[in-house]
Amino acid sequence: MYLQLLQAGYTSYTGRLGTVQFVNGVSQSQVDPNTAAGLAALFTVQWVSDQGVAASGSLTVASVPTAGETVVINGVTFTWQTTPAAPTDVAIGATAAACAANLALAIAAVASSNPALAGATYAPNGATVNITYSIYGTAGNAFTLTNGTSGSAVTVSGATLTGGAAPTVVGPDDQTSPVNQFLGNGVDAVSAAVAEGVGLTTAQVIAAGIAAETPSTNENANTANEGESTEGFAENSPYQQPETPWTATYTSTINTVTQAGIQSSPNPI
């Protein structure tokens, strides 16, 4: 599963958090439950089954344009010229395919210094320039395309790129349920992340007696060496204290869930 950041100020975050690289708030690789638990202790997150879909579209050169005609890519005007002089001038080729290749090169060159175009890639394929937004999600659906004054010489796939979609949130109460489903039922963030990673449902976690207590107020927390203690467990809980304490790479004493059972333990760095 991939992890999506829901924390205020981080929903569009691009960068690294620990060992996980995020782009536009979504992990770029699948995240294991223990790593997710560490992030869930610091940020509001949820599981998603994919990274979303990038918006895409195209321009097709149907015939060789006339000098002075234009196309407009996300607000930036490019002009067909026999002898290009400005960065946004596009050399008119001998064929439609040559024109498309020259257009792709011109757009990419301007994109290196123009934020309006930097968010997409431009790939010529025969007489067509395929445009793909660089970030998955719906943002690319606002990227505009027009054939300017080129008339029938250039056609566009649509007024904007299309098909951009947000990541798919996994439904609650299954082994890939969102961490925040647990949080809404009084389960602490780390227990939530680990619990869903090993296939426990919200009902099972609540029944096992995991409380949403902070480290400073959790009076029932056991130490890492008290492997046989059952303090903090619900009466008649089907989950038993494992003999080997669970360890992790984040700090504080918290309730945790493992495949073997449920326990409270301090988690040293």
Protein backbone atom coordinates (compact mmCIF):
# COMPACT_ATOMS: atom_id res chain seq x y z
CA MET A 1 0.00 0.00 0.00
CA TYR A 2 1.00 3.60 -0.57
CA LEU A 3 0.74 6.26 2.12
CA GLN A 4 -0.97 9.63 1.68
CA LEU A 5 -0.33 12.61 3.94
CA LEU A 6 -3.46 14.29 5.31
CA GLN A 7 -1.67 16.51 7.81
CA ALA A 8 -2.43 20.21 7.35
CA GLY A 9 0.42 21.83 5.44
CA TYR A 10 1.67 18.49 4.07
CA THR A 11 -1.07 17.39 1.68
CA SER A 12 1.00 18.53 -1.32
CA TYR A 13 4.39 17.81 0.24
CA THR A 14 7.23 16.76 -2.03
CA GLY A 15 10.36 15.50 -0.33
CA ARG A 16 11.61 12.81 2.01
CA LEU A 17 10.20 11.93 5.42
CA GLY A 18 12.54 9.42 7.02
CA THR A 19 13.16 6.81 4.35
CA VAL A 20 9.97 7.51 2.40
CA GLN A 21 9.96 9.80 -0.64
CA PHE A 22 6.72 11.71 -1.18
CA VAL A 23 5.52 13.59 -4.25
CA ASN A 24 2.43 15.75 -3.94
CA GLY A 25 1.66 14.14 -0.58
CA VAL A 26 1.78 10.51 -1.75
CA SER A 27 4.60 8.02 -1.19
CA GLN A 28 6.45 7.05 -4.34
CA SER A 29 6.82 3.45 -3.24
CA GLN A 30 4.81 1.05 -1.12
CA VAL A 31 5.29 1.50 2.62
CA ASP A 32 5.59 -1.35 5.13
CA PRO A 33 3.38 -1.25 8.26
CA ASN A 34 6.21 -0.49 10.71
CA THR A 35 7.41 2.49 8.67
CA ALA A 36 3.81 3.65 8.35
CA ALA A 37 3.47 3.39 12.13
CA GLY A 38 6.41 5.71 12.63
CA LEU A 39 4.99 8.29 10.25
CA ALA A 40 1.50 7.93 11.72
CA ALA A 41 2.92 8.87 15.12
CA LEU A 42 3.88 12.27 13.70
CA PHE A 43 1.43 12.95 10.86
CA THR A 44 -2.18 12.26 9.96
CA VAL A 45 -1.97 9.70 7.14
CA GLN A 46 -4.08 7.15 5.32
CA TRP A 47 -3.49 4.14 3.13
CA VAL A 48 -4.17 4.42 -0.60
CA SER A 49 -4.01 1.61 -3.13
CA ASP A 50 -2.32 3.66 -5.84
CA GLN A 51 -0.61 6.98 -6.45
CA GLY A 52 -3.42 8.40 -8.53
CA VAL A 53 -3.40 9.07 -12.26
CA ALA A 54 -1.57 11.82 -14.12
CA ALA A 55 -3.58 14.01 -16.49
CA SER A 56 -2.61 13.81 -20.16
CA GLY A 57 -3.46 15.17 -23.59
CA SER A 58 -1.94 15.91 -26.97
CA LEU A 59 -1.49 18.27 -29.89
CA THR A 60 -1.46 16.90 -33.42
CA VAL A 61 0.00 18.69 -36.41
CA ALA A 62 -2.43 17.80 -39.20
CA SER A 63 -0.60 19.81 -41.87
CA VAL A 64 2.42 22.09 -42.10
CA PRO A 65 1.49 25.42 -40.44
CA THR A 66 2.00 28.86 -41.96
CA ALA A 67 4.59 31.26 -40.55
CA GLY A 68 3.05 33.50 -37.89
CA GLU A 69 0.39 31.02 -36.79
CA THR A 70 0.32 30.11 -33.11
CA VAL A 71 -0.49 27.43 -30.56
CA VAL A 72 -0.99 28.16 -26.87
CA ILE A 73 0.18 25.73 -24.18
CA ASN A 74 -1.07 26.49 -20.66
CA GLY A 75 -1.11 30.20 -21.40
CA VAL A 76 2.24 30.34 -23.21
CA THR A 77 2.05 31.25 -26.91
CA PHE A 78 4.32 29.54 -29.44
CA THR A 79 4.65 30.93 -32.96
CA TRP A 80 5.51 28.98 -36.08
CA GLN A 81 8.39 30.64 -37.94
CA THR A 82 10.50 29.87 -40.97
CA THR A 83 13.52 31.25 -39.12
CA PRO A 84 12.98 31.09 -35.33
CA ALA A 85 14.41 34.04 -33.37
CA ALA A 86 12.68 34.01 -29.97
CA PRO A 87 12.58 31.09 -27.47
CA THR A 88 8.87 30.61 -28.17
CA ASP A 89 9.36 30.49 -31.95
CA VAL A 90 8.95 27.03 -33.50
CA ALA A 91 10.74 26.04 -36.69
CA ILE A 92 8.41 25.02 -39.50
CA GLY A 93 9.53 21.61 -40.71
CA ALA A 94 9.13 20.03 -44.12
CA THR A 95 6.52 17.57 -42.80
CA ALA A 96 3.87 17.50 -40.10
CA ALA A 97 5.99 15.06 -38.09
CA ALA A 98 9.01 17.37 -38.29
CA CYS A 99 6.85 20.27 -37.10
CA ALA A 100 5.61 18.23 -34.15
CA ALA A 101 9.16 17.28 -33.18
CA ASN A 102 10.23 20.94 -33.35
CA LEU A 103 7.22 21.99 -31.27
CA ALA A 104 8.05 19.45 -28.56
CA LEU A 105 11.64 20.67 -28.43
CA ALA A 106 10.57 24.31 -28.18
CA ILE A 107 8.06 23.66 -25.41
CA ALA A 108 10.56 21.60 -23.40
CA ALA A 109 13.21 24.30 -23.75
CA VAL A 110 10.88 27.04 -22.50
CA ALA A 111 9.58 24.75 -19.72
CA SER A 112 13.05 24.64 -18.16
CA SER A 113 12.60 28.25 -17.02
CA ASN A 114 8.82 28.76 -17.13
CA PRO A 115 6.75 27.34 -14.22
CA ALA A 116 3.60 27.31 -16.36
CA LEU A 117 5.11 24.56 -18.50
CA ALA A 118 7.52 22.92 -16.06
CA GLY A 119 4.86 20.63 -14.60
CA ALA A 120 4.53 18.40 -17.66
CA THR A 121 6.52 16.34 -20.14
CA TYR A 122 6.33 16.70 -23.93
CA ALA A 123 7.01 13.66 -26.11
CA PRO A 124 6.74 13.71 -29.92
CA ASN A 125 5.28 10.64 -31.58
CA GLY A 126 4.98 11.05 -35.33
CA ALA A 127 2.89 14.16 -35.95
CA THR A 128 1.61 14.23 -32.35
CA VAL A 129 3.05 15.78 -29.20
CA ASN A 130 1.92 13.79 -26.17
CA ILE A 131 1.70 15.86 -23.00
CA THR A 132 1.64 14.24 -19.55
CA TYR A 133 1.36 16.15 -16.30
CA SER A 134 4.24 15.31 -14.00
CA ILE A 135 2.24 14.98 -10.77
CA TYR A 136 -0.47 12.41 -10.24
CA GLY A 137 -3.85 13.79 -9.23
CA THR A 138 -6.44 16.24 -10.45
CA ALA A 139 -4.19 19.33 -10.66
CA GLY A 140 -3.17 18.52 -14.24
CA ASN A 141 -6.78 18.66 -15.38
CA ALA A 142 -6.47 22.47 -15.32
CA PHE A 143 -3.51 22.52 -17.76
CA THR A 144 -4.85 24.22 -20.91
CA LEU A 145 -4.34 23.56 -24.63
CA THR A 146 -5.47 25.60 -27.63
CA ASN A 147 -4.50 25.58 -31.28
CA GLY A 148 -4.25 29.38 -31.25
CA THR A 149 -4.39 30.75 -34.77
CA SER A 150 -3.16 27.55 -36.40
CA GLY A 151 -6.68 26.60 -37.45
CA SER A 152 -6.97 23.15 -38.94
CA ALA A 153 -3.18 22.78 -39.15
CA VAL A 154 -3.04 21.85 -35.44
CA THR A 155 -5.66 20.02 -33.39
CA VAL A 156 -5.75 19.52 -29.63
CA SER A 157 -7.13 16.61 -27.63
CA GLY A 158 -9.25 18.96 -25.56
CA ALA A 159 -9.36 22.35 -23.90
CA THR A 160 -7.33 20.90 -21.01
CA LEU A 161 -5.43 17.78 -20.11
CA THR A 162 -7.80 15.15 -18.79
CA GLY A 163 -7.89 11.96 -16.78
CA GLY A 164 -6.02 13.17 -13.70
CA ALA A 165 -7.32 11.37 -10.63
CA ALA A 166 -6.56 11.42 -6.93
CA PRO A 167 -5.21 8.29 -5.17
CA THR A 168 -7.78 5.63 -4.30
CA VAL A 169 -8.45 5.51 -0.56
CA VAL A 170 -8.81 1.94 0.70
CA GLY A 171 -12.07 1.20 2.51
CA PRO A 172 -12.31 0.82 6.30
CA ASP A 173 -12.17 -2.36 8.37
CA ASP A 174 -10.06 -4.61 6.21
CA GLN A 175 -6.35 -5.38 6.29
CA THR A 176 -5.57 -2.35 4.18
CA SER A 177 -7.95 0.08 5.86
CA PRO A 178 -6.92 3.73 6.33
CA VAL A 179 -5.08 4.56 9.52
CA ASN A 180 -7.48 7.40 10.22
CA GLN A 181 -10.38 4.93 10.45
CA PHE A 182 -8.74 3.60 13.59
CA LEU A 183 -7.97 7.06 14.91
CA GLY A 184 -11.64 7.98 14.70
CA ASN A 185 -12.45 5.08 16.99
CA GLY A 186 -10.14 6.05 19.84
CA VAL A 187 -7.05 4.12 18.81
CA ASP A 188 -3.64 5.77 19.02
CA ALA A 189 -1.86 6.49 15.75
CA VAL A 190 0.92 3.93 16.05
CA SER A 191 -1.36 1.08 17.11
CA ALA A 192 -3.67 2.03 14.25
CA ALA A 193 -0.94 1.82 11.64
CA VAL A 194 0.42 -1.48 12.88
CA ALA A 195 -3.03 -2.98 13.46
CA GLU A 196 -4.22 -2.36 9.95
CA GLY A 197 -0.93 -3.63 8.57
CA VAL A 198 -1.41 -7.07 10.14
CA GLY A 199 -5.06 -7.38 9.26
CA LEU A 200 -6.96 -6.48 12.43
CA THR A 201 -10.24 -4.62 12.09
CA THR A 202 -11.25 -1.56 14.05
CA ALA A 203 -13.68 -3.68 16.08
CA GLN A 204 -10.95 -6.17 16.96
CA VAL A 205 -8.59 -3.43 18.08
CA ILE A 206 -11.24 -1.75 20.24
CA ALA A 207 -12.26 -5.11 21.73
CA ALA A 208 -8.66 -5.80 22.62
CA GLY A 209 -8.66 -2.75 24.87
CA ILE A 210 -6.27 -0.40 23.12
CA ALA A 211 -6.91 3.09 24.47
CA ALA A 212 -6.12 6.40 22.83
CA GLU A 213 -3.78 7.49 25.60
CA THR A 214 -0.74 9.70 25.26
CA PRO A 215 2.61 8.45 26.58
CA SER A 216 2.45 10.88 29.52
CA THR A 217 -0.98 9.69 30.69
CA ASN A 218 -0.80 5.99 29.88
CA GLU A 219 -0.69 4.56 33.38
CA ASN A 220 -1.16 1.02 32.12
CA ALA A 221 1.93 1.00 29.91
CA ASN A 222 4.36 -1.85 30.55
CA THR A 223 8.10 -1.81 30.10
CA ALA A 224 9.85 -3.58 27.24
CA ASN A 225 11.05 -6.31 29.59
CA GLU A 226 7.69 -7.10 31.18
CA GLY A 227 6.81 -9.65 28.57
CA GLU A 228 4.31 -11.53 30.71
CA SER A 229 2.36 -8.55 32.02
CA THR A 230 -1.23 -8.19 30.88
CA GLU A 231 -1.94 -4.70 32.19
CA GLY A 232 -3.78 -2.50 29.75
CA PHE A 233 -5.58 -5.40 28.06
CA ALA A 234 -9.33 -5.85 27.84
CA GLU A 235 -10.75 -8.59 30.00
CA ASN A 236 -11.17 -11.83 28.02
CA SER A 237 -9.22 -10.34 25.14
CA PRO A 238 -8.50 -12.91 22.41
CA TYR A 239 -5.07 -11.33 21.96
CA GLN A 240 -2.30 -12.37 24.30
CA GLN A 241 0.87 -10.62 25.36
CA PRO A 242 3.72 -11.90 23.15
CA GLU A 243 6.76 -13.32 24.91
CA THR A 244 9.18 -11.24 22.85
CA PRO A 245 8.66 -7.47 23.25
CA TRP A 246 7.94 -5.57 20.06
CA THR A 247 10.48 -2.88 19.15
CA ALA A 248 10.42 -0.02 16.71
CA THR A 249 12.48 2.96 15.62
CA TYR A 250 10.48 5.74 17.23
CA THR A 251 10.24 6.91 20.81
CA SER A 252 7.81 7.00 23.77
CA THR A 253 5.74 4.44 25.62
CA ILE A 254 2.65 3.54 23.65
CA ASN A 255 0.20 0.73 23.05
CA THR A 256 1.10 -1.32 20.00
CA VAL A 257 -0.34 -4.20 18.03
CA THR A 258 1.61 -7.04 16.44
CA GLN A 259 0.58 -10.16 14.57
CA ALA A 260 1.32 -12.14 17.73
CA GLY A 261 -0.69 -9.95 20.07
CA ILE A 262 -1.14 -6.59 21.72
CA GLN A 263 1.10 -4.96 24.25
CA SER A 264 2.25 -1.66 25.69
CA SER A 265 5.96 -0.95 25.54
CA PRO A 266 8.46 1.88 25.30
CA ASN A 267 9.91 2.05 21.82
CA PRO A 268 13.53 3.21 21.91
CA ILE A 269 15.34 4.72 18.95
